Amino acid sequence: GVDVAVDMVGGITLEPIIRSMAFDGRAVVVGFASGDIPKIPANLLLVKNCSLTGLYWGAHAKHRPEVFGESITRVVGLWREGEISPVVGATFPLAAANDAVAALAGRKTTGKVVLTMDDA
């Protein structure tokens, strides 16, 4: 089974994630991109002896700002070193910001949507 899993989608994805966990595994809920908040049978956590926790960055930044700051510094460092890179699904010129919002609202994007300050 899976030792660690992160769910950003929610909806129908969380229960299969929990079912795939290894004994003593850990799952983290980060968001609900699907728009649906899942409900899972608690007995799955019991029989897998696994844990499920949530991570909301806004609350994390408010209650543990020093840890949040260290996390951001580390991620930016990894990005600068080329160890990680964001997935950019689409770019739009600033003049087409409404199109960018429509693409997001219509769930027609993956990764980040970037507004550029040029006409391209």
C-alpha atoms as a PDB file:
ATOM      1  CA  GLY A   1       0.000   0.000   0.000  1.00  0.00           C
ATOM      2  CA  VAL A   2       0.803   3.697  -0.089  1.00  0.00           C
ATOM      3  CA  ASP A   3       2.772   5.175   2.810  1.00  0.00           C
ATOM      4  CA  VAL A   4       1.916   8.854   2.218  1.00  0.00           C
ATOM      5  CA  ALA A   5      -0.750  10.422  -0.021  1.00  0.00           C
ATOM      6  CA  VAL A   6      -1.862  14.006  -0.625  1.00  0.00           C
ATOM      7  CA  ASP A   7      -5.390  14.697  -1.888  1.00  0.00           C
ATOM      8  CA  MET A   8      -6.075  18.079  -3.471  1.00  0.00           C
ATOM      9  CA  VAL A   9      -9.098  16.924  -5.472  1.00  0.00           C
ATOM     10  CA  GLY A  10     -11.591  15.704  -2.884  1.00  0.00           C
ATOM     11  CA  GLY A  11     -14.902  14.286  -4.038  1.00  0.00           C
ATOM     12  CA  ILE A  12     -14.701  10.667  -5.087  1.00  0.00           C
ATOM     13  CA  THR A  13     -10.889  10.477  -4.858  1.00  0.00           C
ATOM     14  CA  LEU A  14     -10.375  10.377  -1.083  1.00  0.00           C
ATOM     15  CA  GLU A  15     -11.973   7.026  -0.290  1.00  0.00           C
ATOM     16  CA  PRO A  16      -9.888   5.108  -2.878  1.00  0.00           C
ATOM     17  CA  ILE A  17      -6.810   6.872  -1.514  1.00  0.00           C
ATOM     18  CA  ILE A  18      -7.627   5.692   2.012  1.00  0.00           C
ATOM     19  CA  ARG A  19      -8.344   2.180   0.742  1.00  0.00           C
ATOM     20  CA  SER A  20      -4.904   2.108  -0.926  1.00  0.00           C
ATOM     21  CA  MET A  21      -3.027   3.137   2.237  1.00  0.00           C
ATOM     22  CA  ALA A  22      -0.435   0.868   3.783  1.00  0.00           C
ATOM     23  CA  PHE A  23      -0.703  -0.091   7.428  1.00  0.00           C
ATOM     24  CA  ASP A  24       0.330   3.003   9.441  1.00  0.00           C
ATOM     25  CA  GLY A  25       0.076   5.162   6.288  1.00  0.00           C
ATOM     26  CA  ARG A  26      -0.730   8.862   6.289  1.00  0.00           C
ATOM     27  CA  ALA A  27      -3.070  10.841   4.054  1.00  0.00           C
ATOM     28  CA  VAL A  28      -3.286  14.626   3.906  1.00  0.00           C
ATOM     29  CA  VAL A  29      -6.273  16.559   2.589  1.00  0.00           C
ATOM     30  CA  VAL A  30      -5.154  19.856   1.053  1.00  0.00           C
ATOM     31  CA  GLY A  31      -8.175  20.934  -0.946  1.00  0.00           C
ATOM     32  CA  PHE A  32     -11.353  20.139  -2.811  1.00  0.00           C
ATOM     33  CA  ALA A  33     -10.639  21.071  -6.435  1.00  0.00           C
ATOM     34  CA  SER A  34     -13.515  18.842  -7.526  1.00  0.00           C
ATOM     35  CA  GLY A  35     -15.900  21.067  -5.630  1.00  0.00           C
ATOM     36  CA  ASP A  36     -17.160  18.136  -3.534  1.00  0.00           C
ATOM     37  CA  ILE A  37     -16.233  17.561   0.096  1.00  0.00           C
ATOM     38  CA  PRO A  38     -15.846  13.808   0.619  1.00  0.00           C
ATOM     39  CA  LYS A  39     -17.181  11.694   3.454  1.00  0.00           C
ATOM     40  CA  ILE A  40     -15.232   8.560   4.226  1.00  0.00           C
ATOM     41  CA  PRO A  41     -16.116   5.567   6.384  1.00  0.00           C
ATOM     42  CA  ALA A  42     -14.109   5.947   9.607  1.00  0.00           C
ATOM     43  CA  ASN A  43     -13.680   2.177   9.838  1.00  0.00           C
ATOM     44  CA  LEU A  44     -11.172   2.412   6.956  1.00  0.00           C
ATOM     45  CA  LEU A  45      -8.872   4.481   9.154  1.00  0.00           C
ATOM     46  CA  LEU A  46      -9.244   1.938  11.924  1.00  0.00           C
ATOM     47  CA  VAL A  47      -8.552  -1.228   9.924  1.00  0.00           C
ATOM     48  CA  LYS A  48      -5.634   0.373   8.059  1.00  0.00           C
ATOM     49  CA  ASN A  49      -4.342   1.947  11.285  1.00  0.00           C
ATOM     50  CA  CYS A  50      -3.724   4.998   9.114  1.00  0.00           C
ATOM     51  CA  SER A  51      -4.131   8.677   9.794  1.00  0.00           C
ATOM     52  CA  LEU A  52      -5.925  11.395   7.880  1.00  0.00           C
ATOM     53  CA  THR A  53      -5.170  15.041   8.493  1.00  0.00           C
ATOM     54  CA  GLY A  54      -6.000  18.339   6.868  1.00  0.00           C
ATOM     55  CA  LEU A  55      -3.615  21.084   5.850  1.00  0.00           C
ATOM     56  CA  TYR A  56      -5.024  24.566   5.336  1.00  0.00           C
ATOM     57  CA  TRP A  57      -2.147  26.948   4.604  1.00  0.00           C
ATOM     58  CA  GLY A  58      -4.079  30.034   5.697  1.00  0.00           C
ATOM     59  CA  ALA A  59      -4.589  28.671   9.216  1.00  0.00           C
ATOM     60  CA  HIS A  60      -1.044  27.292   9.250  1.00  0.00           C
ATOM     61  CA  ALA A  61       0.321  30.761   8.422  1.00  0.00           C
ATOM     62  CA  LYS A  62      -1.817  32.346  11.144  1.00  0.00           C
ATOM     63  CA  HIS A  63      -1.091  29.879  13.962  1.00  0.00           C
ATOM     64  CA  ARG A  64       2.526  28.926  13.148  1.00  0.00           C
ATOM     65  CA  PRO A  65       3.957  31.804  11.096  1.00  0.00           C
ATOM     66  CA  GLU A  66       7.560  30.831  11.773  1.00  0.00           C
ATOM     67  CA  VAL A  67       7.050  27.316  10.404  1.00  0.00           C
ATOM     68  CA  PHE A  68       5.068  28.676   7.467  1.00  0.00           C
ATOM     69  CA  GLY A  69       7.862  31.155   6.684  1.00  0.00           C
ATOM     70  CA  GLU A  70      10.492  28.408   6.815  1.00  0.00           C
ATOM     71  CA  SER A  71       8.380  26.272   4.458  1.00  0.00           C
ATOM     72  CA  ILE A  72       8.026  29.088   1.931  1.00  0.00           C
ATOM     73  CA  THR A  73      11.751  29.858   2.110  1.00  0.00           C
ATOM     74  CA  ARG A  74      12.607  26.213   1.491  1.00  0.00           C
ATOM     75  CA  VAL A  75      10.199  25.853  -1.447  1.00  0.00           C
ATOM     76  CA  VAL A  76      11.492  29.056  -3.069  1.00  0.00           C
ATOM     77  CA  GLY A  77      15.048  27.759  -2.600  1.00  0.00           C
ATOM     78  CA  LEU A  78      14.175  24.468  -4.313  1.00  0.00           C
ATOM     79  CA  TRP A  79      12.586  26.430  -7.171  1.00  0.00           C
ATOM     80  CA  ARG A  80      15.642  28.684  -7.557  1.00  0.00           C
ATOM     81  CA  GLU A  81      17.920  25.632  -7.629  1.00  0.00           C
ATOM     82  CA  GLY A  82      15.792  24.063 -10.350  1.00  0.00           C
ATOM     83  CA  GLU A  83      14.788  21.141  -8.123  1.00  0.00           C
ATOM     84  CA  ILE A  84      11.078  21.862  -8.574  1.00  0.00           C
ATOM     85  CA  SER A  85       9.057  23.794 -11.110  1.00  0.00           C
ATOM     86  CA  PRO A  86       5.410  24.807 -11.247  1.00  0.00           C
ATOM     87  CA  VAL A  87       3.162  23.303 -13.890  1.00  0.00           C
ATOM     88  CA  VAL A  88       1.866  26.161 -16.026  1.00  0.00           C
ATOM     89  CA  GLY A  89      -1.262  25.047 -17.813  1.00  0.00           C
ATOM     90  CA  ALA A  90      -2.064  28.305 -19.585  1.00  0.00           C
ATOM     91  CA  THR A  91      -0.882  31.874 -19.986  1.00  0.00           C
ATOM     92  CA  PHE A  92      -3.022  34.879 -20.858  1.00  0.00           C
ATOM     93  CA  PRO A  93      -2.097  38.511 -21.457  1.00  0.00           C
ATOM     94  CA  LEU A  94      -3.434  40.817 -18.774  1.00  0.00           C
ATOM     95  CA  ALA A  95      -5.925  42.221 -21.277  1.00  0.00           C
ATOM     96  CA  ALA A  96      -7.492  38.723 -21.466  1.00  0.00           C
ATOM     97  CA  ALA A  97      -7.845  38.294 -17.697  1.00  0.00           C
ATOM     98  CA  ASN A  98     -11.580  37.628 -18.108  1.00  0.00           C
ATOM     99  CA  ASP A  99     -10.744  34.720 -20.436  1.00  0.00           C
ATOM    100  CA  ALA A 100      -8.355  33.352 -17.805  1.00  0.00           C
ATOM    101  CA  VAL A 101     -11.054  33.513 -15.133  1.00  0.00           C
ATOM    102  CA  ALA A 102     -13.533  31.849 -17.480  1.00  0.00           C
ATOM    103  CA  ALA A 103     -11.042  29.032 -18.157  1.00  0.00           C
ATOM    104  CA  LEU A 104     -10.602  28.512 -14.412  1.00  0.00           C
ATOM    105  CA  ALA A 105     -14.323  28.688 -13.680  1.00  0.00           C
ATOM    106  CA  GLY A 106     -15.041  26.282 -16.525  1.00  0.00           C
ATOM    107  CA  ARG A 107     -12.424  23.843 -15.204  1.00  0.00           C
ATOM    108  CA  LYS A 108     -10.639  23.942 -18.551  1.00  0.00           C
ATOM    109  CA  THR A 109      -7.150  24.302 -17.063  1.00  0.00           C
ATOM    110  CA  THR A 110      -4.581  22.206 -15.295  1.00  0.00           C
ATOM    111  CA  GLY A 111      -1.657  23.546 -13.335  1.00  0.00           C
ATOM    112  CA  LYS A 112      -1.248  27.265 -12.828  1.00  0.00           C
ATOM    113  CA  VAL A 113      -2.850  29.943 -14.940  1.00  0.00           C
ATOM    114  CA  VAL A 114      -0.485  32.873 -15.455  1.00  0.00           C
ATOM    115  CA  LEU A 115      -1.318  36.436 -16.478  1.00  0.00           C
ATOM    116  CA  THR A 116       1.493  38.103 -18.427  1.00  0.00           C
ATOM    117  CA  MET A 117       2.168  41.821 -18.675  1.00  0.00           C
ATOM    118  CA  ASP A 118       2.618  41.730 -22.454  1.00  0.00           C
ATOM    119  CA  ASP A 119       0.377  41.308 -25.470  1.00  0.00           C
ATOM    120  CA  ALA A 120       1.460  37.728 -26.236  1.00  0.00           C
END
